[in-house]
Amino acid sequence: MARYSTFSFEEKTKIPEIEEIINQATSTSLSSGKPYILFFNIDEQSYVLVERDQTILKNVPDGVSYNKLSGDFKIIRITVNGYNYESGCPGITFFADGSREYAEIELESIEGTRWTVVLNPYSSVAEITQSS
C-alpha cells in the first residue's frame, strides 16, 4: 500500500532542483512582464526556459541550449492542461501576472521514491505529493 504525503516548496524535499527551475520561470516572467515557456525534454532529462514570443505553436525554437537535470531524480511524465507526455518536450507557460498553466510533473528519485509536483494556475505555491 502506498503512503502519500503533501508538502509545499517551503518544506524540505528531495527535489530542490525542480523548485529552483519553477521559481526561475515564475520570477523571469514576472520581472520581464512577458510570458515564458518552460520546456522539459523528457528523453534527455533536460530543460530550457524560452520567451513565449520566440516559439511557434509551443515548439522549442532551433538553436536553443538545454540545461541538463542533475540526475538526483528523473522525469517520468508531465501532464499539461490534461495532455500526458512520457517523452518529447512538453512546455508549461508561465504568465507575467505570476500564474501558469495547470501541470503535473511526475518524478522518481534515485532511491525509487516517486513525487508529483502540481502547478495550479490559481496558486503561487506548488503542491508536492510523495508516494512510496
Foldseek 3Di string as FASTA:
>chain_A
DKDKDKDWLVDDDLPVVVVVVVVVQLVVQQVVQFKWKWKAAQVQQWIDIGGPVQDDPQDDDPPDDTGHDPQQKHWQWKAWPRDIDRGGIDIKMQHNVRFITWMWTWMAGPVGKIKIWTGDRVDNIIMIMIID
